[in-house]
């Protein structure tokens, strides 16, 4: 954590926003990462104090870079590399809660093909209309 600047794709990988450096480079090249409000390239240098906006569907992280690390750190250590804004935390928690509620609602469609009894009921229903 001694360097003053580091490539953004390396930093995203070290801070555990991406599983691999190539995924981090693809995210940056694809416009999923903004540095200080501007679209960045994978070779863009990131320094402490830079504000990043990282989009990982369906979530958006807004973080302030606090430190630089060339190595990929453990999750508790990686969190020390950045500080997430309160608005970002609140928005992510809101989306997480909405998704949880949708999951609890259960499936709308029946689970699988109709069984023997169901087919009989369907046939009876169709024949009533004739």
C-alpha atoms as a PDB file:
ATOM      1  CA  UNK A   1       0.000   0.000   0.000  1.00  0.00           C
ATOM      2  CA  UNK A   2       2.923   2.326  -0.568  1.00  0.00           C
ATOM      3  CA  UNK A   3       2.428   3.430  -4.201  1.00  0.00           C
ATOM      4  CA  UNK A   4       0.763   6.720  -4.973  1.00  0.00           C
ATOM      5  CA  UNK A   5      -1.118   5.505  -8.073  1.00  0.00           C
ATOM      6  CA  UNK A   6      -2.239   2.223  -9.636  1.00  0.00           C
ATOM      7  CA  UNK A   7      -4.062   1.093 -12.767  1.00  0.00           C
ATOM      8  CA  UNK A   8      -7.809   1.070 -12.139  1.00  0.00           C
ATOM      9  CA  UNK A   9      -8.253  -2.534 -13.293  1.00  0.00           C
ATOM     10  CA  UNK A  10      -5.606  -3.693 -10.799  1.00  0.00           C
ATOM     11  CA  UNK A  11      -7.217  -1.665  -8.024  1.00  0.00           C
ATOM     12  CA  UNK A  12     -10.701  -3.082  -8.724  1.00  0.00           C
ATOM     13  CA  UNK A  13      -9.235  -6.585  -8.584  1.00  0.00           C
ATOM     14  CA  UNK A  14      -7.273  -5.888  -5.374  1.00  0.00           C
ATOM     15  CA  UNK A  15     -10.327  -4.294  -3.711  1.00  0.00           C
ATOM     16  CA  UNK A  16     -12.396  -7.384  -4.656  1.00  0.00           C
ATOM     17  CA  UNK A  17     -14.928  -5.648  -6.893  1.00  0.00           C
ATOM     18  CA  UNK A  18     -13.986  -8.143  -9.650  1.00  0.00           C
ATOM     19  CA  UNK A  19     -12.838 -11.756  -9.423  1.00  0.00           C
ATOM     20  CA  UNK A  20     -10.122 -11.423 -12.073  1.00  0.00           C
ATOM     21  CA  UNK A  21      -8.096  -8.615 -13.591  1.00  0.00           C
ATOM     22  CA  UNK A  22      -9.455  -9.392 -17.035  1.00  0.00           C
ATOM     23  CA  UNK A  23     -13.031  -9.021 -15.715  1.00  0.00           C
ATOM     24  CA  UNK A  24     -12.006  -5.709 -14.155  1.00  0.00           C
ATOM     25  CA  UNK A  25     -10.504  -4.521 -17.453  1.00  0.00           C
ATOM     26  CA  UNK A  26     -13.660  -5.555 -19.330  1.00  0.00           C
ATOM     27  CA  UNK A  27     -15.862  -3.698 -16.827  1.00  0.00           C
ATOM     28  CA  UNK A  28     -13.798  -0.526 -17.173  1.00  0.00           C
ATOM     29  CA  UNK A  29     -13.655  -0.762 -20.975  1.00  0.00           C
ATOM     30  CA  UNK A  30     -17.404  -1.428 -21.071  1.00  0.00           C
ATOM     31  CA  UNK A  31     -18.182   1.819 -19.258  1.00  0.00           C
ATOM     32  CA  UNK A  32     -19.189   0.197 -15.961  1.00  0.00           C
ATOM     33  CA  UNK A  33     -16.662   2.281 -14.011  1.00  0.00           C
ATOM     34  CA  UNK A  34     -16.362   6.064 -13.825  1.00  0.00           C
ATOM     35  CA  UNK A  35     -13.519   7.966 -12.170  1.00  0.00           C
ATOM     36  CA  UNK A  36     -14.431  11.411 -10.841  1.00  0.00           C
ATOM     37  CA  UNK A  37     -17.493  11.455 -13.106  1.00  0.00           C
ATOM     38  CA  UNK A  38     -15.608  10.539 -16.293  1.00  0.00           C
ATOM     39  CA  UNK A  39     -15.530   7.274 -18.193  1.00  0.00           C
ATOM     40  CA  UNK A  40     -12.161   5.574 -17.763  1.00  0.00           C
ATOM     41  CA  UNK A  41      -9.897   3.189 -19.651  1.00  0.00           C
ATOM     42  CA  UNK A  42      -8.321   0.136 -17.940  1.00  0.00           C
ATOM     43  CA  UNK A  43      -4.882   1.799 -17.817  1.00  0.00           C
ATOM     44  CA  UNK A  44      -6.212   4.906 -16.029  1.00  0.00           C
ATOM     45  CA  UNK A  45      -4.302   5.577 -12.835  1.00  0.00           C
ATOM     46  CA  UNK A  46      -6.337   5.794  -9.671  1.00  0.00           C
ATOM     47  CA  UNK A  47      -5.059   7.663  -6.600  1.00  0.00           C
ATOM     48  CA  UNK A  48      -6.275   8.052  -3.035  1.00  0.00           C
ATOM     49  CA  UNK A  49      -9.035  10.644  -3.017  1.00  0.00           C
ATOM     50  CA  UNK A  50     -10.527   9.619  -6.372  1.00  0.00           C
ATOM     51  CA  UNK A  51     -14.278   8.994  -6.450  1.00  0.00           C
ATOM     52  CA  UNK A  52     -15.358   5.860  -8.337  1.00  0.00           C
ATOM     53  CA  UNK A  53     -18.810   4.889  -9.541  1.00  0.00           C
ATOM     54  CA  UNK A  54     -18.902   1.115 -10.142  1.00  0.00           C
ATOM     55  CA  UNK A  55     -21.938  -0.553 -11.727  1.00  0.00           C
ATOM     56  CA  UNK A  56     -22.449  -4.252 -11.103  1.00  0.00           C
ATOM     57  CA  UNK A  57     -26.039  -4.976 -12.078  1.00  0.00           C
ATOM     58  CA  UNK A  58     -28.346  -4.403 -10.312  1.00  0.00           C
ATOM     59  CA  UNK A  59     -26.172  -2.500  -7.823  1.00  0.00           C
ATOM     60  CA  UNK A  60     -24.194   0.729  -8.142  1.00  0.00           C
ATOM     61  CA  UNK A  61     -21.329   1.456  -5.757  1.00  0.00           C
ATOM     62  CA  UNK A  62     -20.073   4.992  -5.154  1.00  0.00           C
ATOM     63  CA  UNK A  63     -16.746   4.777  -3.360  1.00  0.00           C
ATOM     64  CA  UNK A  64     -13.862   7.025  -2.373  1.00  0.00           C
ATOM     65  CA  UNK A  65     -10.396   5.485  -2.827  1.00  0.00           C
ATOM     66  CA  UNK A  66      -8.543   5.570   0.495  1.00  0.00           C
ATOM     67  CA  UNK A  67      -5.502   3.418  -0.262  1.00  0.00           C
ATOM     68  CA  UNK A  68      -3.699   1.567  -3.044  1.00  0.00           C
ATOM     69  CA  UNK A  69      -2.629  -2.085  -3.049  1.00  0.00           C
ATOM     70  CA  UNK A  70      -0.895  -4.073  -5.800  1.00  0.00           C
ATOM     71  CA  UNK A  71      -1.858  -7.374  -4.162  1.00  0.00           C
ATOM     72  CA  UNK A  72      -5.333  -8.862  -3.837  1.00  0.00           C
ATOM     73  CA  UNK A  73      -6.205  -8.665  -0.169  1.00  0.00           C
ATOM     74  CA  UNK A  74      -8.537 -10.656   2.054  1.00  0.00           C
ATOM     75  CA  UNK A  75     -12.087  -9.306   2.173  1.00  0.00           C
ATOM     76  CA  UNK A  76     -11.723  -7.578   5.587  1.00  0.00           C
ATOM     77  CA  UNK A  77      -8.477  -5.941   4.425  1.00  0.00           C
ATOM     78  CA  UNK A  78      -9.859  -4.998   0.993  1.00  0.00           C
ATOM     79  CA  UNK A  79     -12.664  -2.986   2.598  1.00  0.00           C
ATOM     80  CA  UNK A  80      -9.999  -0.689   4.045  1.00  0.00           C
ATOM     81  CA  UNK A  81      -8.979   0.375   0.521  1.00  0.00           C
ATOM     82  CA  UNK A  82     -12.176   2.372  -0.012  1.00  0.00           C
ATOM     83  CA  UNK A  83     -15.070   4.090   1.733  1.00  0.00           C
ATOM     84  CA  UNK A  84     -18.574   3.705   0.342  1.00  0.00           C
ATOM     85  CA  UNK A  85     -20.915   6.697   0.484  1.00  0.00           C
ATOM     86  CA  UNK A  86     -24.041   6.629   2.660  1.00  0.00           C
ATOM     87  CA  UNK A  87     -26.299   7.201  -0.376  1.00  0.00           C
ATOM     88  CA  UNK A  88     -24.747   4.212  -2.133  1.00  0.00           C
ATOM     89  CA  UNK A  89     -25.237   1.969   0.903  1.00  0.00           C
ATOM     90  CA  UNK A  90     -28.876   3.061   1.289  1.00  0.00           C
ATOM     91  CA  UNK A  91     -29.654   2.528  -2.410  1.00  0.00           C
ATOM     92  CA  UNK A  92     -28.070  -0.944  -2.412  1.00  0.00           C
ATOM     93  CA  UNK A  93     -29.981  -1.932   0.732  1.00  0.00           C
ATOM     94  CA  UNK A  94     -33.252  -0.742  -0.843  1.00  0.00           C
ATOM     95  CA  UNK A  95     -32.630  -2.831  -3.985  1.00  0.00           C
ATOM     96  CA  UNK A  96     -31.644  -5.847  -1.868  1.00  0.00           C
ATOM     97  CA  UNK A  97     -34.889  -5.576   0.140  1.00  0.00           C
ATOM     98  CA  UNK A  98     -37.021  -5.250  -3.026  1.00  0.00           C
ATOM     99  CA  UNK A  99     -35.403  -8.358  -4.502  1.00  0.00           C
ATOM    100  CA  UNK A 100     -35.962 -10.268  -1.254  1.00  0.00           C
ATOM    101  CA  UNK A 101     -39.659  -9.373  -1.253  1.00  0.00           C
ATOM    102  CA  UNK A 102     -40.024 -10.439  -4.891  1.00  0.00           C
ATOM    103  CA  UNK A 103     -38.438 -13.794  -4.080  1.00  0.00           C
ATOM    104  CA  UNK A 104     -40.867 -14.318  -1.179  1.00  0.00           C
ATOM    105  CA  UNK A 105     -43.861 -13.738  -3.449  1.00  0.00           C
ATOM    106  CA  UNK A 106     -43.101 -17.102  -5.019  1.00  0.00           C
ATOM    107  CA  UNK A 107     -43.366 -18.352  -8.562  1.00  0.00           C
ATOM    108  CA  UNK A 108     -46.283 -17.143 -10.651  1.00  0.00           C
ATOM    109  CA  UNK A 109     -46.315 -20.094 -13.050  1.00  0.00           C
ATOM    110  CA  UNK A 110     -47.021 -23.702 -12.077  1.00  0.00           C
ATOM    111  CA  UNK A 111     -43.963 -25.803 -11.375  1.00  0.00           C
ATOM    112  CA  UNK A 112     -43.582 -28.157 -14.332  1.00  0.00           C
ATOM    113  CA  UNK A 113     -45.921 -30.112 -16.570  1.00  0.00           C
ATOM    114  CA  UNK A 114     -49.454 -31.047 -15.505  1.00  0.00           C
ATOM    115  CA  UNK A 115     -49.901 -34.437 -13.841  1.00  0.00           C
ATOM    116  CA  UNK A 116     -52.566 -37.033 -14.619  1.00  0.00           C
ATOM    117  CA  UNK A 117     -55.205 -35.402 -12.405  1.00  0.00           C
ATOM    118  CA  UNK A 118     -54.442 -31.964 -13.847  1.00  0.00           C
ATOM    119  CA  UNK A 119     -54.819 -33.268 -17.412  1.00  0.00           C
ATOM    120  CA  UNK A 120     -58.225 -34.733 -16.550  1.00  0.00           C
ATOM    121  CA  UNK A 121     -59.363 -31.418 -15.112  1.00  0.00           C
ATOM    122  CA  UNK A 122     -58.109 -29.569 -18.191  1.00  0.00           C
ATOM    123  CA  UNK A 123     -59.978 -31.968 -20.505  1.00  0.00           C
ATOM    124  CA  UNK A 124     -63.190 -31.584 -18.463  1.00  0.00           C
ATOM    125  CA  UNK A 125     -62.854 -27.805 -18.618  1.00  0.00           C
ATOM    126  CA  UNK A 126     -62.337 -27.832 -22.399  1.00  0.00           C
ATOM    127  CA  UNK A 127     -65.276 -30.190 -23.037  1.00  0.00           C
ATOM    128  CA  UNK A 128     -67.662 -27.942 -21.074  1.00  0.00           C
ATOM    129  CA  UNK A 129     -67.256 -25.255 -23.718  1.00  0.00           C
ATOM    130  CA  UNK A 130     -68.298 -27.553 -26.595  1.00  0.00           C
END
